[in-house]
């Protein structure tokens, strides 16, 4: 894998041209979500639309000379649009005769299938309302569409491969890839994910690539085999490295020592004992605990002897009273049997 864009704004919905030389995508580089194209090997993008509206790329025309997208620029309400196309040199977009849709696929003999309402069922899992995803088909390009299949679910992303139409549906609970014949018969299930919805499937005419969770998969329609795509991304994991937070911003509580020379403060779920003028800061912890970083302390207060601190601690997932020796090496005493209400 190699990076193609380093834009200042979001880029979404990439689609290869039929010959693989270009990639069309939607981007907010200059404000609204507009249509762009760029060389598939990398290079500067070319802005194709200036509609000032939400324009989402859905694919390419049959001949590969126009980019297909949906846009609400010509609609009275945002978020609802029909299929529009624009040439590779830009210019005035052209409305295509497919009506309102959010996805489209072409078959042989002029056939067309479109998806309406929903483009990603994972955003509204198991939705069954009036705007649930629906699939429509014009089998021979006559201009007359009919509903492809009637399933009690949220359907999206039709893909015409060979003699079958593949699509995404969650009518069995979790979004997976199914297929049927152009007349809606012989429904088959091809993926069996149970933890995560299949999202944004796309095809090259033979294989289907999609993601589920944080992983990429490829489904071969000829063999029904699924393989996971291993992508090596050697990140420095900046967000997982330790960081130093300003304790004043995250102060949750404080308790003065009985003699007034020290204080116990609770900051971001951890308790620290320190002198008011000098001396080290001591973090309360259990030396026998291997996962101290996930333990939360609160309500810390000094005991009257000035050598111990009592606090509420949720070690092992259950909150209980603990008494710690400040600066000591012994494990804290935990009163897990107390009913604290």
C-alpha atoms as a PDB file:
ATOM      1  CA  UNK A   1       0.000   0.000   0.000  1.00  0.00           C
ATOM      2  CA  UNK A   2       1.189   3.482  -0.764  1.00  0.00           C
ATOM      3  CA  UNK A   3      -0.301   6.866  -0.008  1.00  0.00           C
ATOM      4  CA  UNK A   4      -1.829   8.835  -2.876  1.00  0.00           C
ATOM      5  CA  UNK A   5      -3.263  11.913  -1.151  1.00  0.00           C
ATOM      6  CA  UNK A   6      -2.145  14.230   1.619  1.00  0.00           C
ATOM      7  CA  UNK A   7      -4.931  16.741   1.289  1.00  0.00           C
ATOM      8  CA  UNK A   8      -5.907  19.437   3.732  1.00  0.00           C
ATOM      9  CA  UNK A   9      -9.518  18.225   3.774  1.00  0.00           C
ATOM     10  CA  UNK A  10     -11.397  14.940   3.707  1.00  0.00           C
ATOM     11  CA  UNK A  11     -11.366  12.714   0.604  1.00  0.00           C
ATOM     12  CA  UNK A  12     -13.995   9.987   0.186  1.00  0.00           C
ATOM     13  CA  UNK A  13     -15.564   7.525  -2.255  1.00  0.00           C
ATOM     14  CA  UNK A  14     -12.638   6.705  -4.610  1.00  0.00           C
ATOM     15  CA  UNK A  15     -13.414   4.804  -7.815  1.00  0.00           C
ATOM     16  CA  UNK A  16     -10.946   3.566 -10.435  1.00  0.00           C
ATOM     17  CA  UNK A  17     -11.732   4.371 -14.050  1.00  0.00           C
ATOM     18  CA  UNK A  18     -12.460   1.298 -16.247  1.00  0.00           C
ATOM     19  CA  UNK A  19      -8.934   1.401 -17.700  1.00  0.00           C
ATOM     20  CA  UNK A  20      -7.342   1.949 -14.277  1.00  0.00           C
ATOM     21  CA  UNK A  21      -5.563   5.161 -15.257  1.00  0.00           C
ATOM     22  CA  UNK A  22      -7.612   7.591 -13.137  1.00  0.00           C
ATOM     23  CA  UNK A  23      -9.275   7.738  -9.749  1.00  0.00           C
ATOM     24  CA  UNK A  24     -12.402   9.823  -9.224  1.00  0.00           C
ATOM     25  CA  UNK A  25     -13.288  10.845  -5.681  1.00  0.00           C
ATOM     26  CA  UNK A  26     -15.182  13.400  -3.626  1.00  0.00           C
ATOM     27  CA  UNK A  27     -13.297  15.992  -1.598  1.00  0.00           C
ATOM     28  CA  UNK A  28     -13.772  19.149   0.463  1.00  0.00           C
ATOM     29  CA  UNK A  29     -10.457  20.683  -0.500  1.00  0.00           C
ATOM     30  CA  UNK A  30     -12.025  24.013  -1.460  1.00  0.00           C
ATOM     31  CA  UNK A  31     -15.194  24.047   0.610  1.00  0.00           C
ATOM     32  CA  UNK A  32     -18.180  21.975  -0.456  1.00  0.00           C
ATOM     33  CA  UNK A  33     -18.003  18.276  -1.254  1.00  0.00           C
ATOM     34  CA  UNK A  34     -17.094  18.326  -4.951  1.00  0.00           C
ATOM     35  CA  UNK A  35     -15.904  15.807  -7.567  1.00  0.00           C
ATOM     36  CA  UNK A  36     -12.184  15.453  -8.344  1.00  0.00           C
ATOM     37  CA  UNK A  37     -10.047  13.155 -10.462  1.00  0.00           C
ATOM     38  CA  UNK A  38      -6.364  12.291 -10.268  1.00  0.00           C
ATOM     39  CA  UNK A  39      -3.888   9.865 -11.871  1.00  0.00           C
ATOM     40  CA  UNK A  40      -4.052   6.458 -10.236  1.00  0.00           C
ATOM     41  CA  UNK A  41      -0.264   6.474  -9.792  1.00  0.00           C
ATOM     42  CA  UNK A  42      -0.476   9.732  -7.866  1.00  0.00           C
ATOM     43  CA  UNK A  43      -0.314  13.349  -8.899  1.00  0.00           C
ATOM     44  CA  UNK A  44      -2.181  16.632  -8.656  1.00  0.00           C
ATOM     45  CA  UNK A  45      -5.992  16.461  -8.520  1.00  0.00           C
ATOM     46  CA  UNK A  46      -8.312  18.078 -11.048  1.00  0.00           C
ATOM     47  CA  UNK A  47     -11.543  19.590  -9.785  1.00  0.00           C
ATOM     48  CA  UNK A  48     -14.451  18.642 -12.051  1.00  0.00           C
ATOM     49  CA  UNK A  49     -17.531  20.231 -10.411  1.00  0.00           C
ATOM     50  CA  UNK A  50     -18.380  23.626  -8.938  1.00  0.00           C
ATOM     51  CA  UNK A  51     -21.915  23.016  -7.739  1.00  0.00           C
ATOM     52  CA  UNK A  52     -21.575  24.281  -4.169  1.00  0.00           C
ATOM     53  CA  UNK A  53     -23.454  21.239  -2.895  1.00  0.00           C
ATOM     54  CA  UNK A  54     -22.898  17.691  -1.677  1.00  0.00           C
ATOM     55  CA  UNK A  55     -21.554  15.717  -4.654  1.00  0.00           C
ATOM     56  CA  UNK A  56     -20.618  12.098  -3.963  1.00  0.00           C
ATOM     57  CA  UNK A  57     -18.868   9.960  -6.577  1.00  0.00           C
ATOM     58  CA  UNK A  58     -20.626   6.628  -7.298  1.00  0.00           C
ATOM     59  CA  UNK A  59     -18.621   5.323 -10.274  1.00  0.00           C
ATOM     60  CA  UNK A  60     -17.956   5.778 -13.981  1.00  0.00           C
ATOM     61  CA  UNK A  61     -20.036   5.638 -17.129  1.00  0.00           C
ATOM     62  CA  UNK A  62     -19.924   2.515 -19.279  1.00  0.00           C
ATOM     63  CA  UNK A  63     -17.404   4.040 -21.692  1.00  0.00           C
ATOM     64  CA  UNK A  64     -15.218   5.468 -18.905  1.00  0.00           C
ATOM     65  CA  UNK A  65     -15.474   9.011 -20.290  1.00  0.00           C
ATOM     66  CA  UNK A  66     -17.676  10.505 -17.571  1.00  0.00           C
ATOM     67  CA  UNK A  67     -17.679  10.391 -13.766  1.00  0.00           C
ATOM     68  CA  UNK A  68     -21.001   9.481 -12.177  1.00  0.00           C
ATOM     69  CA  UNK A  69     -21.976  11.105  -8.892  1.00  0.00           C
ATOM     70  CA  UNK A  70     -25.008  12.000  -6.816  1.00  0.00           C
ATOM     71  CA  UNK A  71     -25.700  15.601  -5.918  1.00  0.00           C
ATOM     72  CA  UNK A  72     -28.414  17.539  -4.142  1.00  0.00           C
ATOM     73  CA  UNK A  73     -27.591  20.668  -6.130  1.00  0.00           C
ATOM     74  CA  UNK A  74     -30.741  20.215  -8.223  1.00  0.00           C
ATOM     75  CA  UNK A  75     -33.000  19.137  -5.347  1.00  0.00           C
ATOM     76  CA  UNK A  76     -35.131  21.146  -2.914  1.00  0.00           C
ATOM     77  CA  UNK A  77     -33.658  19.340   0.122  1.00  0.00           C
ATOM     78  CA  UNK A  78     -30.107  18.495   1.103  1.00  0.00           C
ATOM     79  CA  UNK A  79     -29.021  14.868   1.325  1.00  0.00           C
ATOM     80  CA  UNK A  80     -31.290  13.712  -1.514  1.00  0.00           C
ATOM     81  CA  UNK A  81     -30.018  13.585  -5.080  1.00  0.00           C
ATOM     82  CA  UNK A  82     -30.090  11.858  -8.407  1.00  0.00           C
ATOM     83  CA  UNK A  83     -27.358  10.407 -10.599  1.00  0.00           C
ATOM     84  CA  UNK A  84     -25.387  13.146 -12.392  1.00  0.00           C
ATOM     85  CA  UNK A  85     -22.338  12.871 -14.639  1.00  0.00           C
ATOM     86  CA  UNK A  86     -19.466  15.167 -15.580  1.00  0.00           C
ATOM     87  CA  UNK A  87     -16.792  14.894 -18.253  1.00  0.00           C
ATOM     88  CA  UNK A  88     -13.087  14.493 -17.531  1.00  0.00           C
ATOM     89  CA  UNK A  89     -12.503  18.108 -18.562  1.00  0.00           C
ATOM     90  CA  UNK A  90     -15.199  19.382 -16.212  1.00  0.00           C
ATOM     91  CA  UNK A  91     -17.937  21.513 -17.680  1.00  0.00           C
ATOM     92  CA  UNK A  92     -21.656  21.546 -16.988  1.00  0.00           C
ATOM     93  CA  UNK A  93     -22.869  18.333 -15.286  1.00  0.00           C
ATOM     94  CA  UNK A  94     -25.570  16.289 -16.986  1.00  0.00           C
ATOM     95  CA  UNK A  95     -28.531  14.655 -15.273  1.00  0.00           C
ATOM     96  CA  UNK A  96     -28.728  10.923 -16.028  1.00  0.00           C
ATOM     97  CA  UNK A  97     -32.100   9.180 -16.546  1.00  0.00           C
ATOM     98  CA  UNK A  98     -31.988   7.022 -13.431  1.00  0.00           C
ATOM     99  CA  UNK A  99     -33.895   9.111 -10.910  1.00  0.00           C
ATOM    100  CA  UNK A 100     -32.984   9.510  -7.257  1.00  0.00           C
ATOM    101  CA  UNK A 101     -30.206   7.115  -6.225  1.00  0.00           C
ATOM    102  CA  UNK A 102     -27.063   6.861  -4.105  1.00  0.00           C
ATOM    103  CA  UNK A 103     -25.347   4.005  -5.966  1.00  0.00           C
ATOM    104  CA  UNK A 104     -25.437   2.465  -9.442  1.00  0.00           C
ATOM    105  CA  UNK A 105     -24.100  -0.562 -11.316  1.00  0.00           C
ATOM    106  CA  UNK A 106     -24.256  -1.656 -14.955  1.00  0.00           C
ATOM    107  CA  UNK A 107     -24.866  -5.108 -16.354  1.00  0.00           C
ATOM    108  CA  UNK A 108     -24.775  -6.666 -19.792  1.00  0.00           C
ATOM    109  CA  UNK A 109     -27.405  -5.919 -22.460  1.00  0.00           C
ATOM    110  CA  UNK A 110     -27.790  -2.372 -21.165  1.00  0.00           C
ATOM    111  CA  UNK A 111     -29.057  -3.404 -17.733  1.00  0.00           C
ATOM    112  CA  UNK A 112     -28.850  -0.959 -14.812  1.00  0.00           C
ATOM    113  CA  UNK A 113     -29.386  -1.423 -11.066  1.00  0.00           C
ATOM    114  CA  UNK A 114     -29.525   1.404  -8.542  1.00  0.00           C
ATOM    115  CA  UNK A 115     -29.599   1.731  -4.779  1.00  0.00           C
ATOM    116  CA  UNK A 116     -31.794   4.295  -3.093  1.00  0.00           C
ATOM    117  CA  UNK A 117     -31.850   5.942   0.332  1.00  0.00           C
ATOM    118  CA  UNK A 118     -29.040   4.013   2.059  1.00  0.00           C
ATOM    119  CA  UNK A 119     -25.365   3.807   1.156  1.00  0.00           C
ATOM    120  CA  UNK A 120     -23.949   2.439   4.422  1.00  0.00           C
ATOM    121  CA  UNK A 121     -26.337   0.402   6.639  1.00  0.00           C
ATOM    122  CA  UNK A 122     -23.723   0.349   9.404  1.00  0.00           C
ATOM    123  CA  UNK A 123     -24.616   3.978  10.145  1.00  0.00           C
ATOM    124  CA  UNK A 124     -28.159   2.961  11.075  1.00  0.00           C
ATOM    125  CA  UNK A 125     -28.045  -0.692  11.965  1.00  0.00           C
ATOM    126  CA  UNK A 126     -31.217  -2.747  11.469  1.00  0.00           C
ATOM    127  CA  UNK A 127     -33.233   0.301  10.472  1.00  0.00           C
ATOM    128  CA  UNK A 128     -36.637  -0.715   9.074  1.00  0.00           C
ATOM    129  CA  UNK A 129     -38.293   2.660   8.513  1.00  0.00           C
ATOM    130  CA  UNK A 130     -39.564   4.352   5.408  1.00  0.00           C
ATOM    131  CA  UNK A 131     -36.139   5.465   4.191  1.00  0.00           C
ATOM    132  CA  UNK A 132     -34.455   2.067   4.503  1.00  0.00           C
ATOM    133  CA  UNK A 133     -32.238   1.154   1.558  1.00  0.00           C
ATOM    134  CA  UNK A 134     -33.978  -0.210  -1.506  1.00  0.00           C
ATOM    135  CA  UNK A 135     -32.693  -1.700  -4.784  1.00  0.00           C
ATOM    136  CA  UNK A 136     -34.231  -1.161  -8.222  1.00  0.00           C
ATOM    137  CA  UNK A 137     -33.371  -2.693 -11.592  1.00  0.00           C
ATOM    138  CA  UNK A 138     -33.864  -1.967 -15.282  1.00  0.00           C
ATOM    139  CA  UNK A 139     -32.898  -5.384 -16.714  1.00  0.00           C
ATOM    140  CA  UNK A 140     -32.469  -4.417 -20.367  1.00  0.00           C
ATOM    141  CA  UNK A 141     -32.008  -0.641 -20.390  1.00  0.00           C
ATOM    142  CA  UNK A 142     -35.570   0.168 -21.435  1.00  0.00           C
ATOM    143  CA  UNK A 143     -35.899   2.896 -18.823  1.00  0.00           C
ATOM    144  CA  UNK A 144     -38.508   0.989 -16.807  1.00  0.00           C
ATOM    145  CA  UNK A 145     -37.333   0.196 -13.268  1.00  0.00           C
ATOM    146  CA  UNK A 146     -38.804  -2.278 -10.795  1.00  0.00           C
ATOM    147  CA  UNK A 147     -37.863  -3.301  -7.278  1.00  0.00           C
ATOM    148  CA  UNK A 148     -35.122  -5.943  -7.376  1.00  0.00           C
ATOM    149  CA  UNK A 149     -35.934  -7.870  -4.218  1.00  0.00           C
ATOM    150  CA  UNK A 150     -38.212  -7.400  -1.217  1.00  0.00           C
ATOM    151  CA  UNK A 151     -36.292  -8.078   2.007  1.00  0.00           C
ATOM    152  CA  UNK A 152     -37.121  -6.759   5.462  1.00  0.00           C
ATOM    153  CA  UNK A 153     -33.832  -4.976   5.876  1.00  0.00           C
ATOM    154  CA  UNK A 154     -31.609  -2.084   4.897  1.00  0.00           C
ATOM    155  CA  UNK A 155     -30.115  -2.836   1.468  1.00  0.00           C
ATOM    156  CA  UNK A 156     -27.388  -0.937  -0.389  1.00  0.00           C
ATOM    157  CA  UNK A 157     -24.532  -0.974  -2.910  1.00  0.00           C
ATOM    158  CA  UNK A 158     -25.741  -3.174  -5.809  1.00  0.00           C
ATOM    159  CA  UNK A 159     -22.933  -4.730  -7.899  1.00  0.00           C
ATOM    160  CA  UNK A 160     -23.751  -6.496 -11.172  1.00  0.00           C
ATOM    161  CA  UNK A 161     -21.244  -9.327 -11.663  1.00  0.00           C
ATOM    162  CA  UNK A 162     -21.884 -11.805 -14.438  1.00  0.00           C
ATOM    163  CA  UNK A 163     -25.449 -13.099 -14.249  1.00  0.00           C
ATOM    164  CA  UNK A 164     -25.990 -12.109 -10.608  1.00  0.00           C
ATOM    165  CA  UNK A 165     -26.429  -8.901  -8.670  1.00  0.00           C
ATOM    166  CA  UNK A 166     -24.522  -8.686  -5.412  1.00  0.00           C
ATOM    167  CA  UNK A 167     -25.617  -6.279  -2.683  1.00  0.00           C
ATOM    168  CA  UNK A 168     -25.256  -5.390   0.978  1.00  0.00           C
ATOM    169  CA  UNK A 169     -28.099  -6.164   3.376  1.00  0.00           C
ATOM    170  CA  UNK A 170     -28.722  -6.491   7.124  1.00  0.00           C
ATOM    171  CA  UNK A 171     -32.079  -8.324   6.953  1.00  0.00           C
ATOM    172  CA  UNK A 172     -30.563 -11.166   9.014  1.00  0.00           C
ATOM    173  CA  UNK A 173     -29.212  -8.843  11.697  1.00  0.00           C
ATOM    174  CA  UNK A 174     -25.651  -8.002  10.597  1.00  0.00           C
ATOM    175  CA  UNK A 175     -24.723  -6.394   7.294  1.00  0.00           C
ATOM    176  CA  UNK A 176     -23.299  -8.980   4.882  1.00  0.00           C
ATOM    177  CA  UNK A 177     -23.007  -9.478   1.126  1.00  0.00           C
ATOM    178  CA  UNK A 178     -25.799 -11.346  -0.673  1.00  0.00           C
ATOM    179  CA  UNK A 179     -26.640 -11.925  -4.311  1.00  0.00           C
ATOM    180  CA  UNK A 180     -29.654 -12.781  -6.441  1.00  0.00           C
ATOM    181  CA  UNK A 181     -30.638 -13.177 -10.070  1.00  0.00           C
ATOM    182  CA  UNK A 182     -31.833 -10.100 -11.986  1.00  0.00           C
ATOM    183  CA  UNK A 183     -35.431 -11.268 -11.464  1.00  0.00           C
ATOM    184  CA  UNK A 184     -34.881 -11.277  -7.659  1.00  0.00           C
ATOM    185  CA  UNK A 185     -34.798 -15.070  -7.292  1.00  0.00           C
ATOM    186  CA  UNK A 186     -32.168 -17.416  -5.809  1.00  0.00           C
ATOM    187  CA  UNK A 187     -30.938 -15.221  -2.936  1.00  0.00           C
ATOM    188  CA  UNK A 188     -27.565 -16.392  -1.605  1.00  0.00           C
ATOM    189  CA  UNK A 189     -25.378 -15.234   1.264  1.00  0.00           C
ATOM    190  CA  UNK A 190     -21.634 -14.893   0.572  1.00  0.00           C
ATOM    191  CA  UNK A 191     -20.088 -13.409   3.739  1.00  0.00           C
ATOM    192  CA  UNK A 192     -20.660 -14.398   7.350  1.00  0.00           C
ATOM    193  CA  UNK A 193     -19.434 -11.565   9.548  1.00  0.00           C
ATOM    194  CA  UNK A 194     -21.062 -11.405  12.983  1.00  0.00           C
ATOM    195  CA  UNK A 195     -19.028  -8.788  14.866  1.00  0.00           C
ATOM    196  CA  UNK A 196     -18.949  -5.962  12.319  1.00  0.00           C
ATOM    197  CA  UNK A 197     -21.068  -4.881   9.368  1.00  0.00           C
ATOM    198  CA  UNK A 198     -19.661  -5.199   5.869  1.00  0.00           C
ATOM    199  CA  UNK A 199     -19.139  -1.629   4.671  1.00  0.00           C
ATOM    200  CA  UNK A 200     -18.675   0.079   1.288  1.00  0.00           C
ATOM    201  CA  UNK A 201     -18.255  -2.972  -0.968  1.00  0.00           C
ATOM    202  CA  UNK A 202     -16.936  -2.235  -4.455  1.00  0.00           C
ATOM    203  CA  UNK A 203     -16.179  -4.458  -7.428  1.00  0.00           C
ATOM    204  CA  UNK A 204     -13.910  -4.665 -10.469  1.00  0.00           C
ATOM    205  CA  UNK A 205     -16.386  -6.923 -12.252  1.00  0.00           C
ATOM    206  CA  UNK A 206     -15.094 -10.154 -10.709  1.00  0.00           C
ATOM    207  CA  UNK A 207     -13.968  -9.532  -7.155  1.00  0.00           C
ATOM    208  CA  UNK A 208     -15.520  -7.496  -4.351  1.00  0.00           C
ATOM    209  CA  UNK A 209     -13.425  -5.537  -1.898  1.00  0.00           C
ATOM    210  CA  UNK A 210     -14.948  -4.329   1.368  1.00  0.00           C
ATOM    211  CA  UNK A 211     -14.041  -3.591   4.948  1.00  0.00           C
ATOM    212  CA  UNK A 212     -15.428  -4.914   8.217  1.00  0.00           C
ATOM    213  CA  UNK A 213     -14.175  -3.487  11.465  1.00  0.00           C
ATOM    214  CA  UNK A 214     -10.676  -2.225  10.718  1.00  0.00           C
ATOM    215  CA  UNK A 215      -9.785  -4.928   8.174  1.00  0.00           C
ATOM    216  CA  UNK A 216      -9.944  -5.181   4.385  1.00  0.00           C
ATOM    217  CA  UNK A 217     -11.305  -8.275   2.650  1.00  0.00           C
ATOM    218  CA  UNK A 218     -11.632  -9.496  -0.939  1.00  0.00           C
ATOM    219  CA  UNK A 219     -14.461 -11.793  -2.031  1.00  0.00           C
ATOM    220  CA  UNK A 220     -13.896 -13.747  -5.253  1.00  0.00           C
ATOM    221  CA  UNK A 221     -17.323 -14.133  -6.869  1.00  0.00           C
ATOM    222  CA  UNK A 222     -16.244 -17.123  -8.970  1.00  0.00           C
ATOM    223  CA  UNK A 223     -15.103 -19.247  -6.019  1.00  0.00           C
ATOM    224  CA  UNK A 224     -16.882 -17.576  -3.066  1.00  0.00           C
ATOM    225  CA  UNK A 225     -13.519 -17.487  -1.297  1.00  0.00           C
ATOM    226  CA  UNK A 226     -12.752 -14.593   1.064  1.00  0.00           C
ATOM    227  CA  UNK A 227      -9.239 -13.467   1.880  1.00  0.00           C
ATOM    228  CA  UNK A 228      -8.092 -10.805   4.278  1.00  0.00           C
ATOM    229  CA  UNK A 229      -5.803  -8.130   2.859  1.00  0.00           C
ATOM    230  CA  UNK A 230      -2.784  -7.596   5.093  1.00  0.00           C
ATOM    231  CA  UNK A 231      -1.703  -3.962   5.029  1.00  0.00           C
ATOM    232  CA  UNK A 232       1.525  -3.078   6.807  1.00  0.00           C
ATOM    233  CA  UNK A 233       1.217   0.359   8.319  1.00  0.00           C
ATOM    234  CA  UNK A 234       4.143   0.969  10.614  1.00  0.00           C
ATOM    235  CA  UNK A 235       2.788   3.840  12.618  1.00  0.00           C
ATOM    236  CA  UNK A 236       4.677   5.582  15.444  1.00  0.00           C
ATOM    237  CA  UNK A 237       1.385   5.222  17.406  1.00  0.00           C
ATOM    238  CA  UNK A 238       1.475   8.795  18.626  1.00  0.00           C
ATOM    239  CA  UNK A 239      -1.939   8.566  20.268  1.00  0.00           C
ATOM    240  CA  UNK A 240      -0.818   5.575  22.371  1.00  0.00           C
ATOM    241  CA  UNK A 241       2.357   7.148  23.697  1.00  0.00           C
ATOM    242  CA  UNK A 242       2.435   8.604  27.176  1.00  0.00           C
ATOM    243  CA  UNK A 243       1.671  12.267  27.536  1.00  0.00           C
ATOM    244  CA  UNK A 244       2.000  14.844  30.281  1.00  0.00           C
ATOM    245  CA  UNK A 245      -1.270  16.555  31.157  1.00  0.00           C
ATOM    246  CA  UNK A 246      -1.689  19.825  33.029  1.00  0.00           C
ATOM    247  CA  UNK A 247      -2.895  18.654  36.478  1.00  0.00           C
ATOM    248  CA  UNK A 248      -4.717  21.927  37.141  1.00  0.00           C
ATOM    249  CA  UNK A 249      -7.041  21.251  34.223  1.00  0.00           C
ATOM    250  CA  UNK A 250      -7.894  17.733  35.424  1.00  0.00           C
ATOM    251  CA  UNK A 251      -7.972  18.277  39.209  1.00  0.00           C
ATOM    252  CA  UNK A 252     -10.712  16.084  40.725  1.00  0.00           C
ATOM    253  CA  UNK A 253     -10.084  16.522  44.425  1.00  0.00           C
ATOM    254  CA  UNK A 254      -7.572  17.426  47.137  1.00  0.00           C
ATOM    255  CA  UNK A 255      -7.086  16.729  50.841  1.00  0.00           C
ATOM    256  CA  UNK A 256      -4.799  18.571  53.272  1.00  0.00           C
ATOM    257  CA  UNK A 257      -2.456  16.632  55.566  1.00  0.00           C
ATOM    258  CA  UNK A 258      -3.520  16.719  59.257  1.00  0.00           C
ATOM    259  CA  UNK A 259      -0.412  18.807  60.035  1.00  0.00           C
ATOM    260  CA  UNK A 260      -0.827  21.011  56.969  1.00  0.00           C
ATOM    261  CA  UNK A 261       2.574  20.417  55.362  1.00  0.00           C
ATOM    262  CA  UNK A 262       1.412  18.077  52.552  1.00  0.00           C
ATOM    263  CA  UNK A 263      -1.540  17.502  50.272  1.00  0.00           C
ATOM    264  CA  UNK A 264      -3.108  14.550  48.485  1.00  0.00           C
ATOM    265  CA  UNK A 265      -4.539  15.421  45.084  1.00  0.00           C
ATOM    266  CA  UNK A 266      -6.582  13.317  42.684  1.00  0.00           C
ATOM    267  CA  UNK A 267      -5.876  14.065  39.015  1.00  0.00           C
ATOM    268  CA  UNK A 268      -7.353  12.125  36.086  1.00  0.00           C
ATOM    269  CA  UNK A 269      -8.166   9.126  38.272  1.00  0.00           C
ATOM    270  CA  UNK A 270      -4.777   8.910  40.005  1.00  0.00           C
ATOM    271  CA  UNK A 271      -3.833  10.009  43.521  1.00  0.00           C
ATOM    272  CA  UNK A 272      -0.564  11.820  44.273  1.00  0.00           C
ATOM    273  CA  UNK A 273       0.792  12.797  47.696  1.00  0.00           C
ATOM    274  CA  UNK A 274       3.320  15.645  47.845  1.00  0.00           C
ATOM    275  CA  UNK A 275       4.708  18.307  50.134  1.00  0.00           C
ATOM    276  CA  UNK A 276       3.423  21.851  49.881  1.00  0.00           C
ATOM    277  CA  UNK A 277       6.952  23.331  49.777  1.00  0.00           C
ATOM    278  CA  UNK A 278       9.443  20.529  49.210  1.00  0.00           C
ATOM    279  CA  UNK A 279       9.802  16.777  48.904  1.00  0.00           C
ATOM    280  CA  UNK A 280       8.910  14.263  46.196  1.00  0.00           C
ATOM    281  CA  UNK A 281       5.533  13.529  44.658  1.00  0.00           C
ATOM    282  CA  UNK A 282       4.435   9.958  45.456  1.00  0.00           C
ATOM    283  CA  UNK A 283       1.833   8.225  43.288  1.00  0.00           C
ATOM    284  CA  UNK A 284      -0.405   5.775  45.115  1.00  0.00           C
ATOM    285  CA  UNK A 285      -0.311   2.328  43.544  1.00  0.00           C
ATOM    286  CA  UNK A 286      -0.341  -1.382  44.249  1.00  0.00           C
ATOM    287  CA  UNK A 287       3.113  -2.859  43.471  1.00  0.00           C
ATOM    288  CA  UNK A 288       1.517  -6.282  42.985  1.00  0.00           C
ATOM    289  CA  UNK A 289      -0.932  -5.076  40.340  1.00  0.00           C
ATOM    290  CA  UNK A 290       0.173  -5.643  36.724  1.00  0.00           C
ATOM    291  CA  UNK A 291      -2.479  -3.350  35.198  1.00  0.00           C
ATOM    292  CA  UNK A 292      -2.288  -0.307  37.450  1.00  0.00           C
ATOM    293  CA  UNK A 293      -2.786   2.026  34.483  1.00  0.00           C
ATOM    294  CA  UNK A 294      -6.439   1.019  34.151  1.00  0.00           C
ATOM    295  CA  UNK A 295      -7.257   1.543  37.858  1.00  0.00           C
ATOM    296  CA  UNK A 296      -9.206   4.652  38.900  1.00  0.00           C
ATOM    297  CA  UNK A 297      -8.777   6.403  42.251  1.00  0.00           C
ATOM    298  CA  UNK A 298     -11.178   8.918  43.760  1.00  0.00           C
ATOM    299  CA  UNK A 299     -12.172  10.542  47.068  1.00  0.00           C
ATOM    300  CA  UNK A 300      -8.634  10.287  48.462  1.00  0.00           C
ATOM    301  CA  UNK A 301      -8.151  11.599  52.015  1.00  0.00           C
ATOM    302  CA  UNK A 302      -5.492  11.437  54.731  1.00  0.00           C
ATOM    303  CA  UNK A 303      -6.038   9.285  57.782  1.00  0.00           C
ATOM    304  CA  UNK A 304      -5.448  10.942  61.149  1.00  0.00           C
ATOM    305  CA  UNK A 305      -1.983   9.392  61.601  1.00  0.00           C
ATOM    306  CA  UNK A 306      -0.722  11.369  58.595  1.00  0.00           C
ATOM    307  CA  UNK A 307       1.032   8.286  57.162  1.00  0.00           C
ATOM    308  CA  UNK A 308      -1.803   6.637  55.282  1.00  0.00           C
ATOM    309  CA  UNK A 309      -4.322   7.668  52.642  1.00  0.00           C
ATOM    310  CA  UNK A 310      -7.748   6.128  52.102  1.00  0.00           C
ATOM    311  CA  UNK A 311      -9.334   6.173  48.647  1.00  0.00           C
ATOM    312  CA  UNK A 312     -12.039   4.561  46.578  1.00  0.00           C
ATOM    313  CA  UNK A 313     -10.400   2.302  43.958  1.00  0.00           C
ATOM    314  CA  UNK A 314     -12.065   0.261  41.192  1.00  0.00           C
ATOM    315  CA  UNK A 315      -9.406  -2.430  40.991  1.00  0.00           C
ATOM    316  CA  UNK A 316     -10.596  -5.633  39.272  1.00  0.00           C
ATOM    317  CA  UNK A 317     -13.622  -3.740  37.998  1.00  0.00           C
ATOM    318  CA  UNK A 318     -15.254  -3.369  41.415  1.00  0.00           C
ATOM    319  CA  UNK A 319     -14.961  -0.217  43.502  1.00  0.00           C
ATOM    320  CA  UNK A 320     -13.873  -0.670  47.119  1.00  0.00           C
ATOM    321  CA  UNK A 321     -12.117   1.188  49.940  1.00  0.00           C
ATOM    322  CA  UNK A 322      -8.314   0.917  49.984  1.00  0.00           C
ATOM    323  CA  UNK A 323      -5.801   2.223  52.533  1.00  0.00           C
ATOM    324  CA  UNK A 324      -2.297   3.024  51.226  1.00  0.00           C
ATOM    325  CA  UNK A 325       0.909   3.686  53.127  1.00  0.00           C
ATOM    326  CA  UNK A 326       2.457   6.812  51.619  1.00  0.00           C
ATOM    327  CA  UNK A 327       5.915   5.892  50.341  1.00  0.00           C
ATOM    328  CA  UNK A 328       5.626   2.343  51.595  1.00  0.00           C
ATOM    329  CA  UNK A 329       6.429  -0.810  49.653  1.00  0.00           C
ATOM    330  CA  UNK A 330       3.573  -2.899  51.005  1.00  0.00           C
ATOM    331  CA  UNK A 331       0.414  -3.619  49.033  1.00  0.00           C
ATOM    332  CA  UNK A 332      -2.573  -1.524  50.100  1.00  0.00           C
ATOM    333  CA  UNK A 333      -5.187  -2.956  52.407  1.00  0.00           C
ATOM    334  CA  UNK A 334      -8.418  -3.470  50.512  1.00  0.00           C
ATOM    335  CA  UNK A 335     -11.800  -3.634  52.239  1.00  0.00           C
ATOM    336  CA  UNK A 336     -13.696  -5.411  49.489  1.00  0.00           C
ATOM    337  CA  UNK A 337     -16.216  -6.928  51.864  1.00  0.00           C
ATOM    338  CA  UNK A 338     -17.727  -3.594  52.868  1.00  0.00           C
ATOM    339  CA  UNK A 339     -21.169  -2.838  51.470  1.00  0.00           C
ATOM    340  CA  UNK A 340     -20.730   0.754  50.324  1.00  0.00           C
ATOM    341  CA  UNK A 341     -24.172   1.117  48.749  1.00  0.00           C
END
